[in-house]
């Protein structure tokens, strides 16, 4: 704790009135900070140079029962990369409802599908992955005792493309006028393999946003119009062998 004395001293010093910013005030602030540190250290236990704050024993939060809770957020446990390959090839998508029986020790015992996606591959992958990865805090009976319970959730399987699914090129022409506004925006080329999201963005706004209204200027500082050509090319290839 003593290594934070300078920081605490600065906090105390800057909290003092402005007229007290002199040598006496600095000395008093430092002394005050050191005393605060010494007092705080009495509430800590020392173990191998690491300070540990004693924690009170855990008790039921409200005195009422609470259900099974996942230790990790469900989001992220199943990733797009987990998509069953055959389901991906066949454009199978859907939501899978599931229920996991959890023991009083927080261990997942079984998983069953409560709402089918209509695709056995997606249903089976959901329960298999949740049983493999999910961790739980057991339910509580409100008297401080852990009890068995059920955790229910939904996994949505939806095919997604990477931002840059393949090699492509985009070229746009526009004029930035004397007010810094985009005029005469035109897409000259869109070729290759773009994601639907990027293609939709280009359809909505093919040229840069000019809301800031910042024009070019000549050597004398006068605002002038300029024609601008933007070329954007992405190349996607297999990693080079190391």
C-alpha atoms as a PDB file:
ATOM      1  CA  UNK A   1       0.000   0.000   0.000  1.00  0.00           C
ATOM      2  CA  UNK A   2       2.834   2.449   0.786  1.00  0.00           C
ATOM      3  CA  UNK A   3       3.755   2.692  -2.873  1.00  0.00           C
ATOM      4  CA  UNK A   4       0.532   4.685  -3.484  1.00  0.00           C
ATOM      5  CA  UNK A   5       1.503   7.431  -0.996  1.00  0.00           C
ATOM      6  CA  UNK A   6       2.533   9.949  -3.706  1.00  0.00           C
ATOM      7  CA  UNK A   7      -0.789   9.510  -5.508  1.00  0.00           C
ATOM      8  CA  UNK A   8      -2.810   9.949  -2.330  1.00  0.00           C
ATOM      9  CA  UNK A   9      -0.725  12.958  -1.368  1.00  0.00           C
ATOM     10  CA  UNK A  10      -1.518  14.576  -4.722  1.00  0.00           C
ATOM     11  CA  UNK A  11      -5.229  13.903  -4.263  1.00  0.00           C
ATOM     12  CA  UNK A  12      -5.195  15.529  -0.835  1.00  0.00           C
ATOM     13  CA  UNK A  13      -3.095  18.438  -2.090  1.00  0.00           C
ATOM     14  CA  UNK A  14      -5.352  19.304  -5.033  1.00  0.00           C
ATOM     15  CA  UNK A  15      -8.410  19.008  -2.793  1.00  0.00           C
ATOM     16  CA  UNK A  16      -7.028  21.751  -0.498  1.00  0.00           C
ATOM     17  CA  UNK A  17      -8.034  25.433  -1.039  1.00  0.00           C
ATOM     18  CA  UNK A  18      -5.920  27.352  -3.523  1.00  0.00           C
ATOM     19  CA  UNK A  19      -4.530  29.757  -0.915  1.00  0.00           C
ATOM     20  CA  UNK A  20      -3.092  26.805   1.001  1.00  0.00           C
ATOM     21  CA  UNK A  21      -0.852  25.704  -1.844  1.00  0.00           C
ATOM     22  CA  UNK A  22       2.484  26.357  -0.094  1.00  0.00           C
ATOM     23  CA  UNK A  23       5.236  24.302   1.513  1.00  0.00           C
ATOM     24  CA  UNK A  24       3.353  23.919   4.792  1.00  0.00           C
ATOM     25  CA  UNK A  25       0.257  22.717   2.955  1.00  0.00           C
ATOM     26  CA  UNK A  26       2.296  20.226   0.920  1.00  0.00           C
ATOM     27  CA  UNK A  27       3.919  18.805   4.057  1.00  0.00           C
ATOM     28  CA  UNK A  28       0.552  18.553   5.795  1.00  0.00           C
ATOM     29  CA  UNK A  29      -1.006  16.848   2.785  1.00  0.00           C
ATOM     30  CA  UNK A  30       1.760  14.262   2.598  1.00  0.00           C
ATOM     31  CA  UNK A  31       1.557  13.576   6.341  1.00  0.00           C
ATOM     32  CA  UNK A  32      -2.210  13.226   6.078  1.00  0.00           C
ATOM     33  CA  UNK A  33      -1.887  10.809   3.184  1.00  0.00           C
ATOM     34  CA  UNK A  34       0.652   8.633   5.005  1.00  0.00           C
ATOM     35  CA  UNK A  35      -1.608   8.467   8.058  1.00  0.00           C
ATOM     36  CA  UNK A  36      -4.506   7.415   5.845  1.00  0.00           C
ATOM     37  CA  UNK A  37      -2.367   4.680   4.298  1.00  0.00           C
ATOM     38  CA  UNK A  38      -1.281   3.364   7.696  1.00  0.00           C
ATOM     39  CA  UNK A  39      -4.906   3.256   8.827  1.00  0.00           C
ATOM     40  CA  UNK A  40      -5.991   1.478   5.658  1.00  0.00           C
ATOM     41  CA  UNK A  41      -3.247  -1.134   5.975  1.00  0.00           C
ATOM     42  CA  UNK A  42      -4.735  -2.314   9.258  1.00  0.00           C
ATOM     43  CA  UNK A  43      -7.755  -3.587   7.337  1.00  0.00           C
ATOM     44  CA  UNK A  44      -5.622  -5.731   4.999  1.00  0.00           C
ATOM     45  CA  UNK A  45      -3.965  -9.095   5.421  1.00  0.00           C
ATOM     46  CA  UNK A  46      -0.483  -9.599   3.987  1.00  0.00           C
ATOM     47  CA  UNK A  47       0.336 -12.777   2.086  1.00  0.00           C
ATOM     48  CA  UNK A  48       3.512 -13.160   0.024  1.00  0.00           C
ATOM     49  CA  UNK A  49       3.607  -9.444  -0.647  1.00  0.00           C
ATOM     50  CA  UNK A  50       0.007  -9.379  -1.935  1.00  0.00           C
ATOM     51  CA  UNK A  51      -2.618  -7.464   0.004  1.00  0.00           C
ATOM     52  CA  UNK A  52      -5.931  -9.274   0.341  1.00  0.00           C
ATOM     53  CA  UNK A  53      -9.113  -7.564   1.467  1.00  0.00           C
ATOM     54  CA  UNK A  54     -11.003  -9.833   3.883  1.00  0.00           C
ATOM     55  CA  UNK A  55     -14.443 -10.606   2.444  1.00  0.00           C
ATOM     56  CA  UNK A  56     -17.538 -11.231   4.598  1.00  0.00           C
ATOM     57  CA  UNK A  57     -19.076 -14.705   4.411  1.00  0.00           C
ATOM     58  CA  UNK A  58     -21.553 -15.117   1.560  1.00  0.00           C
ATOM     59  CA  UNK A  59     -25.218 -15.144   2.528  1.00  0.00           C
ATOM     60  CA  UNK A  60     -28.399 -15.342   0.422  1.00  0.00           C
ATOM     61  CA  UNK A  61     -28.766 -11.993  -1.330  1.00  0.00           C
ATOM     62  CA  UNK A  62     -32.451 -11.427  -0.598  1.00  0.00           C
ATOM     63  CA  UNK A  63     -33.518 -14.391   1.493  1.00  0.00           C
ATOM     64  CA  UNK A  64     -35.565 -15.562  -1.504  1.00  0.00           C
ATOM     65  CA  UNK A  65     -34.835 -18.436  -3.900  1.00  0.00           C
ATOM     66  CA  UNK A  66     -32.983 -17.673  -7.117  1.00  0.00           C
ATOM     67  CA  UNK A  67     -32.689 -19.814 -10.259  1.00  0.00           C
ATOM     68  CA  UNK A  68     -29.755 -21.434 -12.012  1.00  0.00           C
ATOM     69  CA  UNK A  69     -27.435 -18.778 -13.410  1.00  0.00           C
ATOM     70  CA  UNK A  70     -24.784 -19.215 -16.118  1.00  0.00           C
ATOM     71  CA  UNK A  71     -21.285 -18.262 -14.973  1.00  0.00           C
ATOM     72  CA  UNK A  72     -20.502 -17.091 -18.491  1.00  0.00           C
ATOM     73  CA  UNK A  73     -22.882 -15.141 -20.703  1.00  0.00           C
ATOM     74  CA  UNK A  74     -24.619 -17.382 -23.213  1.00  0.00           C
ATOM     75  CA  UNK A  75     -23.621 -14.955 -25.959  1.00  0.00           C
ATOM     76  CA  UNK A  76     -20.289 -16.097 -27.318  1.00  0.00           C
ATOM     77  CA  UNK A  77     -20.425 -19.694 -26.086  1.00  0.00           C
ATOM     78  CA  UNK A  78     -21.556 -20.826 -29.537  1.00  0.00           C
ATOM     79  CA  UNK A  79     -19.832 -19.007 -32.382  1.00  0.00           C
ATOM     80  CA  UNK A  80     -20.456 -18.746 -36.108  1.00  0.00           C
ATOM     81  CA  UNK A  81     -17.388 -20.936 -36.637  1.00  0.00           C
ATOM     82  CA  UNK A  82     -19.299 -23.746 -34.856  1.00  0.00           C
ATOM     83  CA  UNK A  83     -21.919 -23.839 -37.619  1.00  0.00           C
ATOM     84  CA  UNK A  84     -22.343 -27.470 -38.751  1.00  0.00           C
ATOM     85  CA  UNK A  85     -20.725 -27.641 -42.190  1.00  0.00           C
ATOM     86  CA  UNK A  86     -23.533 -29.570 -43.862  1.00  0.00           C
ATOM     87  CA  UNK A  87     -26.124 -27.158 -42.438  1.00  0.00           C
ATOM     88  CA  UNK A  88     -24.090 -24.215 -43.744  1.00  0.00           C
ATOM     89  CA  UNK A  89     -23.845 -25.715 -47.239  1.00  0.00           C
ATOM     90  CA  UNK A  90     -27.595 -26.343 -47.317  1.00  0.00           C
ATOM     91  CA  UNK A  91     -28.507 -22.823 -46.092  1.00  0.00           C
ATOM     92  CA  UNK A  92     -30.156 -24.167 -42.946  1.00  0.00           C
ATOM     93  CA  UNK A  93     -31.002 -21.462 -40.400  1.00  0.00           C
ATOM     94  CA  UNK A  94     -33.252 -21.294 -37.359  1.00  0.00           C
ATOM     95  CA  UNK A  95     -33.626 -20.881 -33.598  1.00  0.00           C
ATOM     96  CA  UNK A  96     -33.214 -23.713 -31.111  1.00  0.00           C
ATOM     97  CA  UNK A  97     -34.774 -23.546 -27.658  1.00  0.00           C
ATOM     98  CA  UNK A  98     -33.072 -25.719 -25.041  1.00  0.00           C
ATOM     99  CA  UNK A  99     -33.322 -26.662 -21.368  1.00  0.00           C
ATOM    100  CA  UNK A 100     -30.322 -27.818 -19.337  1.00  0.00           C
ATOM    101  CA  UNK A 101     -30.746 -29.712 -16.081  1.00  0.00           C
ATOM    102  CA  UNK A 102     -28.178 -28.464 -13.563  1.00  0.00           C
ATOM    103  CA  UNK A 103     -27.192 -30.242 -10.351  1.00  0.00           C
ATOM    104  CA  UNK A 104     -26.916 -28.693  -6.901  1.00  0.00           C
ATOM    105  CA  UNK A 105     -23.161 -28.520  -7.573  1.00  0.00           C
ATOM    106  CA  UNK A 106     -23.684 -26.416 -10.716  1.00  0.00           C
ATOM    107  CA  UNK A 107     -22.886 -29.254 -13.137  1.00  0.00           C
ATOM    108  CA  UNK A 108     -24.801 -29.639 -16.401  1.00  0.00           C
ATOM    109  CA  UNK A 109     -26.464 -33.059 -16.326  1.00  0.00           C
ATOM    110  CA  UNK A 110     -28.517 -33.144 -19.509  1.00  0.00           C
ATOM    111  CA  UNK A 111     -29.822 -30.978 -22.329  1.00  0.00           C
ATOM    112  CA  UNK A 112     -33.010 -31.282 -24.330  1.00  0.00           C
ATOM    113  CA  UNK A 113     -34.436 -29.296 -27.213  1.00  0.00           C
ATOM    114  CA  UNK A 114     -37.633 -27.488 -26.250  1.00  0.00           C
ATOM    115  CA  UNK A 115     -38.100 -25.705 -29.580  1.00  0.00           C
ATOM    116  CA  UNK A 116     -36.790 -27.223 -32.777  1.00  0.00           C
ATOM    117  CA  UNK A 117     -35.230 -25.311 -35.650  1.00  0.00           C
ATOM    118  CA  UNK A 118     -36.622 -28.025 -37.947  1.00  0.00           C
ATOM    119  CA  UNK A 119     -33.034 -29.049 -38.701  1.00  0.00           C
ATOM    120  CA  UNK A 120     -31.571 -31.968 -36.694  1.00  0.00           C
ATOM    121  CA  UNK A 121     -27.997 -30.773 -37.284  1.00  0.00           C
ATOM    122  CA  UNK A 122     -28.673 -27.390 -35.656  1.00  0.00           C
ATOM    123  CA  UNK A 123     -30.690 -28.897 -32.813  1.00  0.00           C
ATOM    124  CA  UNK A 124     -28.017 -31.480 -32.028  1.00  0.00           C
ATOM    125  CA  UNK A 125     -25.121 -29.013 -32.254  1.00  0.00           C
ATOM    126  CA  UNK A 126     -26.832 -26.651 -29.811  1.00  0.00           C
ATOM    127  CA  UNK A 127     -27.181 -29.148 -26.975  1.00  0.00           C
ATOM    128  CA  UNK A 128     -23.778 -30.703 -27.652  1.00  0.00           C
ATOM    129  CA  UNK A 129     -21.928 -27.374 -27.507  1.00  0.00           C
ATOM    130  CA  UNK A 130     -23.837 -26.081 -24.481  1.00  0.00           C
ATOM    131  CA  UNK A 131     -23.109 -29.269 -22.534  1.00  0.00           C
ATOM    132  CA  UNK A 132     -19.435 -28.985 -23.465  1.00  0.00           C
ATOM    133  CA  UNK A 133     -18.921 -25.300 -22.662  1.00  0.00           C
ATOM    134  CA  UNK A 134     -21.547 -23.915 -20.301  1.00  0.00           C
ATOM    135  CA  UNK A 135     -20.810 -23.480 -16.579  1.00  0.00           C
ATOM    136  CA  UNK A 136     -23.424 -22.652 -13.983  1.00  0.00           C
ATOM    137  CA  UNK A 137     -24.037 -21.372 -10.493  1.00  0.00           C
ATOM    138  CA  UNK A 138     -26.596 -23.689  -8.945  1.00  0.00           C
ATOM    139  CA  UNK A 139     -30.046 -22.521  -7.916  1.00  0.00           C
ATOM    140  CA  UNK A 140     -30.590 -21.462  -4.291  1.00  0.00           C
ATOM    141  CA  UNK A 141     -33.574 -22.344  -2.105  1.00  0.00           C
ATOM    142  CA  UNK A 142     -33.517 -18.995  -0.289  1.00  0.00           C
ATOM    143  CA  UNK A 143     -32.081 -20.543   2.869  1.00  0.00           C
ATOM    144  CA  UNK A 144     -28.517 -20.612   1.666  1.00  0.00           C
ATOM    145  CA  UNK A 145     -28.750 -24.149   0.263  1.00  0.00           C
ATOM    146  CA  UNK A 146     -27.859 -24.983  -3.348  1.00  0.00           C
ATOM    147  CA  UNK A 147     -30.468 -27.062  -5.163  1.00  0.00           C
ATOM    148  CA  UNK A 148     -30.859 -28.621  -8.591  1.00  0.00           C
ATOM    149  CA  UNK A 149     -32.589 -26.567 -11.261  1.00  0.00           C
ATOM    150  CA  UNK A 150     -33.099 -25.931 -14.960  1.00  0.00           C
ATOM    151  CA  UNK A 151     -31.548 -23.318 -17.230  1.00  0.00           C
ATOM    152  CA  UNK A 152     -33.442 -22.413 -20.405  1.00  0.00           C
ATOM    153  CA  UNK A 153     -32.200 -20.474 -23.394  1.00  0.00           C
ATOM    154  CA  UNK A 154     -32.363 -20.022 -27.165  1.00  0.00           C
ATOM    155  CA  UNK A 155     -29.610 -20.345 -29.751  1.00  0.00           C
ATOM    156  CA  UNK A 156     -30.157 -18.569 -33.049  1.00  0.00           C
ATOM    157  CA  UNK A 157     -28.287 -20.043 -36.006  1.00  0.00           C
ATOM    158  CA  UNK A 158     -27.874 -17.508 -38.799  1.00  0.00           C
ATOM    159  CA  UNK A 159     -25.352 -17.620 -41.620  1.00  0.00           C
ATOM    160  CA  UNK A 160     -23.037 -14.627 -41.688  1.00  0.00           C
ATOM    161  CA  UNK A 161     -20.346 -13.533 -44.087  1.00  0.00           C
ATOM    162  CA  UNK A 162     -16.997 -12.035 -43.078  1.00  0.00           C
ATOM    163  CA  UNK A 163     -16.617  -8.318 -43.748  1.00  0.00           C
ATOM    164  CA  UNK A 164     -14.334  -9.102 -46.697  1.00  0.00           C
ATOM    165  CA  UNK A 165     -15.497 -12.441 -48.127  1.00  0.00           C
ATOM    166  CA  UNK A 166     -13.365 -12.189 -51.250  1.00  0.00           C
ATOM    167  CA  UNK A 167     -11.285 -10.005 -53.563  1.00  0.00           C
ATOM    168  CA  UNK A 168     -13.056  -6.908 -54.833  1.00  0.00           C
ATOM    169  CA  UNK A 169     -12.545  -3.344 -56.054  1.00  0.00           C
ATOM    170  CA  UNK A 170     -14.544  -0.115 -55.755  1.00  0.00           C
ATOM    171  CA  UNK A 171     -13.954   3.209 -57.511  1.00  0.00           C
ATOM    172  CA  UNK A 172     -15.945   6.399 -56.924  1.00  0.00           C
ATOM    173  CA  UNK A 173     -15.658   9.921 -58.363  1.00  0.00           C
ATOM    174  CA  UNK A 174     -17.036  13.117 -56.822  1.00  0.00           C
ATOM    175  CA  UNK A 175     -16.449  16.868 -56.540  1.00  0.00           C
ATOM    176  CA  UNK A 176     -15.768  18.588 -53.226  1.00  0.00           C
ATOM    177  CA  UNK A 177     -17.071  22.130 -53.776  1.00  0.00           C
ATOM    178  CA  UNK A 178     -15.965  25.448 -52.254  1.00  0.00           C
ATOM    179  CA  UNK A 179     -18.173  24.824 -49.218  1.00  0.00           C
ATOM    180  CA  UNK A 180     -16.674  21.412 -48.580  1.00  0.00           C
ATOM    181  CA  UNK A 181     -19.811  19.608 -49.778  1.00  0.00           C
ATOM    182  CA  UNK A 182     -19.786  16.484 -51.937  1.00  0.00           C
ATOM    183  CA  UNK A 183     -21.309  16.970 -55.378  1.00  0.00           C
ATOM    184  CA  UNK A 184     -21.752  14.734 -58.446  1.00  0.00           C
ATOM    185  CA  UNK A 185     -21.030  11.499 -56.591  1.00  0.00           C
ATOM    186  CA  UNK A 186     -20.714   8.560 -58.982  1.00  0.00           C
ATOM    187  CA  UNK A 187     -19.736   4.916 -58.580  1.00  0.00           C
ATOM    188  CA  UNK A 188     -17.509   4.038 -61.528  1.00  0.00           C
ATOM    189  CA  UNK A 189     -16.749   0.427 -60.607  1.00  0.00           C
ATOM    190  CA  UNK A 190     -17.910  -2.250 -58.197  1.00  0.00           C
ATOM    191  CA  UNK A 191     -16.430  -5.635 -58.981  1.00  0.00           C
ATOM    192  CA  UNK A 192     -15.587  -8.848 -57.201  1.00  0.00           C
ATOM    193  CA  UNK A 193     -17.002 -10.500 -54.089  1.00  0.00           C
ATOM    194  CA  UNK A 194     -18.429  -7.953 -51.612  1.00  0.00           C
ATOM    195  CA  UNK A 195     -20.402  -8.780 -48.499  1.00  0.00           C
ATOM    196  CA  UNK A 196     -24.096  -7.858 -48.578  1.00  0.00           C
ATOM    197  CA  UNK A 197     -23.477  -5.386 -45.752  1.00  0.00           C
ATOM    198  CA  UNK A 198     -20.741  -3.536 -47.639  1.00  0.00           C
ATOM    199  CA  UNK A 199     -22.674  -3.509 -50.904  1.00  0.00           C
ATOM    200  CA  UNK A 200     -25.697  -2.097 -49.095  1.00  0.00           C
ATOM    201  CA  UNK A 201     -23.517   0.609 -47.517  1.00  0.00           C
ATOM    202  CA  UNK A 202     -22.162   1.639 -50.910  1.00  0.00           C
ATOM    203  CA  UNK A 203     -25.685   1.812 -52.320  1.00  0.00           C
ATOM    204  CA  UNK A 204     -26.737   4.147 -49.493  1.00  0.00           C
ATOM    205  CA  UNK A 205     -23.621   6.324 -49.422  1.00  0.00           C
ATOM    206  CA  UNK A 206     -21.067   5.636 -52.146  1.00  0.00           C
ATOM    207  CA  UNK A 207     -18.950   8.736 -51.444  1.00  0.00           C
ATOM    208  CA  UNK A 208     -17.422  10.019 -48.189  1.00  0.00           C
ATOM    209  CA  UNK A 209     -19.675  11.933 -45.808  1.00  0.00           C
ATOM    210  CA  UNK A 210     -19.106  15.706 -46.066  1.00  0.00           C
ATOM    211  CA  UNK A 211     -21.091  16.937 -43.060  1.00  0.00           C
ATOM    212  CA  UNK A 212     -17.986  18.676 -41.673  1.00  0.00           C
ATOM    213  CA  UNK A 213     -17.950  21.003 -44.683  1.00  0.00           C
ATOM    214  CA  UNK A 214     -14.150  21.334 -44.940  1.00  0.00           C
ATOM    215  CA  UNK A 215     -13.065  22.502 -48.429  1.00  0.00           C
ATOM    216  CA  UNK A 216      -9.680  22.477 -50.116  1.00  0.00           C
ATOM    217  CA  UNK A 217      -7.870  25.835 -50.320  1.00  0.00           C
ATOM    218  CA  UNK A 218      -5.499  27.394 -52.832  1.00  0.00           C
ATOM    219  CA  UNK A 219      -2.094  28.854 -51.992  1.00  0.00           C
ATOM    220  CA  UNK A 220      -3.740  32.120 -50.959  1.00  0.00           C
ATOM    221  CA  UNK A 221      -6.126  30.370 -48.560  1.00  0.00           C
ATOM    222  CA  UNK A 222      -9.251  30.738 -50.704  1.00  0.00           C
ATOM    223  CA  UNK A 223     -11.753  27.804 -50.702  1.00  0.00           C
ATOM    224  CA  UNK A 224     -11.680  25.960 -54.034  1.00  0.00           C
ATOM    225  CA  UNK A 225     -13.460  22.991 -55.592  1.00  0.00           C
ATOM    226  CA  UNK A 226     -11.582  19.759 -56.292  1.00  0.00           C
ATOM    227  CA  UNK A 227     -12.416  16.593 -58.180  1.00  0.00           C
ATOM    228  CA  UNK A 228     -11.690  13.485 -56.134  1.00  0.00           C
ATOM    229  CA  UNK A 229     -11.191   9.878 -57.223  1.00  0.00           C
ATOM    230  CA  UNK A 230     -11.386   7.169 -54.559  1.00  0.00           C
ATOM    231  CA  UNK A 231     -10.133   3.657 -55.335  1.00  0.00           C
ATOM    232  CA  UNK A 232     -10.611   0.870 -52.824  1.00  0.00           C
ATOM    233  CA  UNK A 233      -9.252  -2.620 -53.434  1.00  0.00           C
ATOM    234  CA  UNK A 234      -9.242  -5.681 -51.177  1.00  0.00           C
ATOM    235  CA  UNK A 235      -7.386  -8.901 -51.952  1.00  0.00           C
ATOM    236  CA  UNK A 236      -8.268 -12.094 -50.090  1.00  0.00           C
ATOM    237  CA  UNK A 237      -5.893 -15.060 -50.419  1.00  0.00           C
ATOM    238  CA  UNK A 238      -4.715 -18.124 -48.552  1.00  0.00           C
ATOM    239  CA  UNK A 239      -2.051 -17.544 -45.867  1.00  0.00           C
ATOM    240  CA  UNK A 240       1.501 -17.836 -47.096  1.00  0.00           C
ATOM    241  CA  UNK A 241       3.365 -20.920 -45.859  1.00  0.00           C
ATOM    242  CA  UNK A 242       5.906 -20.064 -43.169  1.00  0.00           C
END
